[in-house]
N, C-alpha and C. Protein backbone atom coordinates (compact mmCIF):
# COMPACT_ATOMS: atom_id res chain seq x y z
N VAL A 1 27.89 23.35 13.32
CA VAL A 1 26.52 23.71 13.66
C VAL A 1 25.62 23.38 12.48
N PRO A 2 24.60 22.54 12.68
CA PRO A 2 23.71 22.19 11.56
C PRO A 2 22.93 23.39 11.07
N ALA A 3 22.60 23.36 9.81
CA ALA A 3 21.79 24.43 9.23
C ALA A 3 20.42 24.43 9.89
N GLN A 4 19.79 25.59 9.90
CA GLN A 4 18.43 25.69 10.45
C GLN A 4 17.45 25.79 9.28
N LEU A 5 16.60 24.81 9.16
CA LEU A 5 15.58 24.83 8.11
C LEU A 5 14.30 25.43 8.67
N SER A 6 13.60 26.18 7.82
CA SER A 6 12.29 26.68 8.24
C SER A 6 11.33 25.49 8.33
N ARG A 7 10.21 25.71 8.97
CA ARG A 7 9.22 24.64 9.12
C ARG A 7 8.80 24.11 7.75
N ARG A 8 8.54 25.01 6.80
CA ARG A 8 8.11 24.60 5.45
C ARG A 8 9.22 23.85 4.73
N GLU A 9 10.45 24.34 4.84
CA GLU A 9 11.58 23.66 4.19
C GLU A 9 11.70 22.24 4.73
N ALA A 10 11.61 22.10 6.05
CA ALA A 10 11.72 20.77 6.66
C ALA A 10 10.58 19.86 6.21
N GLN A 11 9.36 20.41 6.13
CA GLN A 11 8.22 19.62 5.66
C GLN A 11 8.46 19.13 4.24
N CYS A 12 8.91 20.02 3.38
CA CYS A 12 9.14 19.64 1.98
C CYS A 12 10.24 18.58 1.88
N VAL A 13 11.31 18.74 2.65
CA VAL A 13 12.41 17.76 2.63
C VAL A 13 11.92 16.41 3.14
N ARG A 14 11.10 16.42 4.20
CA ARG A 14 10.58 15.15 4.74
C ARG A 14 9.74 14.42 3.69
N TRP A 15 8.87 15.16 2.99
CA TRP A 15 8.05 14.51 1.96
C TRP A 15 8.90 14.04 0.79
N ALA A 16 9.93 14.82 0.44
CA ALA A 16 10.84 14.39 -0.64
C ALA A 16 11.54 13.10 -0.24
N ALA A 17 11.94 13.02 1.03
CA ALA A 17 12.61 11.81 1.52
C ALA A 17 11.67 10.61 1.50
N ALA A 18 10.37 10.87 1.60
CA ALA A 18 9.38 9.80 1.53
C ALA A 18 9.09 9.38 0.10
N GLY A 19 9.78 10.01 -0.85
CA GLY A 19 9.64 9.62 -2.25
C GLY A 19 8.59 10.38 -3.03
N LYS A 20 8.06 11.44 -2.44
CA LYS A 20 7.02 12.22 -3.13
C LYS A 20 7.65 13.15 -4.16
N THR A 21 6.95 13.34 -5.27
CA THR A 21 7.41 14.28 -6.29
C THR A 21 7.10 15.70 -5.84
N THR A 22 7.67 16.65 -6.54
CA THR A 22 7.40 18.06 -6.22
C THR A 22 5.90 18.35 -6.31
N ALA A 23 5.25 17.84 -7.34
CA ALA A 23 3.81 18.05 -7.51
C ALA A 23 3.02 17.41 -6.37
N GLU A 24 3.40 16.19 -5.97
CA GLU A 24 2.72 15.52 -4.87
C GLU A 24 2.88 16.28 -3.56
N ILE A 25 4.10 16.79 -3.32
CA ILE A 25 4.34 17.58 -2.11
C ILE A 25 3.45 18.82 -2.12
N GLY A 26 3.34 19.45 -3.27
CA GLY A 26 2.48 20.62 -3.40
C GLY A 26 1.04 20.32 -3.05
N THR A 27 0.55 19.19 -3.53
CA THR A 27 -0.83 18.78 -3.23
C THR A 27 -1.00 18.51 -1.74
N ILE A 28 -0.06 17.79 -1.15
CA ILE A 28 -0.13 17.43 0.27
C ILE A 28 -0.13 18.69 1.14
N LEU A 29 0.75 19.65 0.82
CA LEU A 29 0.90 20.84 1.65
C LEU A 29 0.08 22.03 1.15
N SER A 30 -0.72 21.84 0.12
CA SER A 30 -1.53 22.91 -0.48
C SER A 30 -0.66 24.09 -0.93
N LEU A 31 0.41 23.75 -1.64
CA LEU A 31 1.33 24.76 -2.18
C LEU A 31 1.45 24.55 -3.68
N SER A 32 1.86 25.61 -4.38
CA SER A 32 2.11 25.46 -5.81
C SER A 32 3.43 24.72 -6.01
N VAL A 33 3.60 24.14 -7.19
CA VAL A 33 4.84 23.43 -7.52
C VAL A 33 6.03 24.39 -7.39
N SER A 34 5.86 25.62 -7.85
CA SER A 34 6.98 26.57 -7.78
C SER A 34 7.34 26.91 -6.34
N THR A 35 6.36 26.94 -5.45
CA THR A 35 6.64 27.21 -4.04
C THR A 35 7.37 26.03 -3.40
N VAL A 36 6.98 24.82 -3.74
CA VAL A 36 7.69 23.64 -3.23
C VAL A 36 9.13 23.66 -3.73
N ARG A 37 9.33 23.95 -5.02
CA ARG A 37 10.68 24.04 -5.56
C ARG A 37 11.51 25.08 -4.81
N PHE A 38 10.88 26.23 -4.52
CA PHE A 38 11.54 27.30 -3.78
C PHE A 38 12.03 26.79 -2.41
N HIS A 39 11.16 26.12 -1.68
CA HIS A 39 11.53 25.62 -0.35
C HIS A 39 12.60 24.54 -0.43
N LEU A 40 12.49 23.65 -1.40
CA LEU A 40 13.49 22.60 -1.56
C LEU A 40 14.84 23.19 -1.97
N ARG A 41 14.81 24.19 -2.86
CA ARG A 41 16.05 24.84 -3.28
C ARG A 41 16.72 25.53 -2.09
N ASN A 42 15.92 26.24 -1.28
CA ASN A 42 16.47 26.92 -0.11
C ASN A 42 17.05 25.91 0.88
N ALA A 43 16.34 24.81 1.10
CA ALA A 43 16.84 23.78 2.02
C ALA A 43 18.15 23.21 1.50
N GLY A 44 18.20 22.93 0.21
CA GLY A 44 19.43 22.40 -0.39
C GLY A 44 20.59 23.37 -0.26
N ASP A 45 20.31 24.65 -0.48
CA ASP A 45 21.35 25.67 -0.33
C ASP A 45 21.86 25.73 1.11
N LYS A 46 20.93 25.73 2.06
CA LYS A 46 21.31 25.80 3.48
C LYS A 46 22.14 24.58 3.90
N LEU A 47 21.82 23.43 3.32
CA LEU A 47 22.52 22.19 3.67
C LEU A 47 23.76 21.96 2.82
N GLY A 48 23.97 22.80 1.81
CA GLY A 48 25.13 22.65 0.94
C GLY A 48 25.03 21.46 0.01
N ALA A 49 23.81 21.14 -0.40
CA ALA A 49 23.57 19.98 -1.25
C ALA A 49 23.28 20.41 -2.69
N ALA A 50 23.90 19.74 -3.65
CA ALA A 50 23.70 20.07 -5.06
C ALA A 50 22.54 19.29 -5.67
N THR A 51 22.18 18.18 -5.05
CA THR A 51 21.10 17.35 -5.60
C THR A 51 20.06 17.05 -4.52
N ARG A 52 18.89 16.65 -4.98
CA ARG A 52 17.80 16.29 -4.06
C ARG A 52 18.22 15.12 -3.17
N ALA A 53 18.86 14.11 -3.76
CA ALA A 53 19.28 12.94 -2.99
C ALA A 53 20.29 13.33 -1.91
N ARG A 54 21.23 14.18 -2.27
CA ARG A 54 22.24 14.62 -1.29
C ARG A 54 21.59 15.46 -0.18
N MET A 55 20.63 16.29 -0.55
CA MET A 55 19.92 17.11 0.44
C MET A 55 19.24 16.20 1.47
N ILE A 56 18.59 15.15 0.99
CA ILE A 56 17.91 14.21 1.89
C ILE A 56 18.93 13.51 2.78
N GLN A 57 20.05 13.11 2.19
CA GLN A 57 21.10 12.42 2.95
C GLN A 57 21.65 13.33 4.06
N ILE A 58 21.93 14.57 3.74
CA ILE A 58 22.46 15.52 4.72
C ILE A 58 21.41 15.80 5.79
N ALA A 59 20.17 16.02 5.37
CA ALA A 59 19.09 16.30 6.33
C ALA A 59 18.92 15.14 7.30
N THR A 60 19.03 13.92 6.80
CA THR A 60 18.93 12.74 7.64
C THR A 60 20.07 12.73 8.66
N GLY A 61 21.27 13.03 8.19
CA GLY A 61 22.45 13.06 9.08
C GLY A 61 22.32 14.10 10.18
N HIS A 62 21.63 15.22 9.89
CA HIS A 62 21.45 16.28 10.88
C HIS A 62 20.23 16.04 11.76
N GLY A 63 19.51 14.94 11.50
CA GLY A 63 18.37 14.61 12.34
C GLY A 63 17.06 15.29 11.95
N PHE A 64 17.02 15.94 10.78
CA PHE A 64 15.80 16.62 10.37
C PHE A 64 14.68 15.65 9.99
N LEU A 65 15.03 14.40 9.70
CA LEU A 65 14.02 13.46 9.23
C LEU A 65 13.71 12.37 10.25
N GLY A 66 14.27 12.49 11.43
CA GLY A 66 14.04 11.50 12.47
C GLY A 66 12.65 11.61 13.07
N PRO A 67 12.32 10.70 13.97
CA PRO A 67 10.99 10.68 14.58
C PRO A 67 10.70 11.91 15.42
N GLU A 68 11.76 12.56 15.95
CA GLU A 68 11.56 13.75 16.77
C GLU A 68 11.43 15.01 15.95
N ALA A 69 11.67 14.93 14.66
CA ALA A 69 11.65 16.13 13.81
C ALA A 69 10.23 16.63 13.58
């Protein structure tokens, strides 16, 4: 069963997958850098990923970054 990401976690992961930095994601979503880090860390924990790249890879495999996401 794939992990369930919150709407914010999924948004942050999608922007990270698009190559945006934590600061850029914060600007795009009107969040502080620490809040973006919080959401990315939670998403990584839920997906069992130790790195940002692995988190994106797993999220892609689960369909979180597809056109329907």
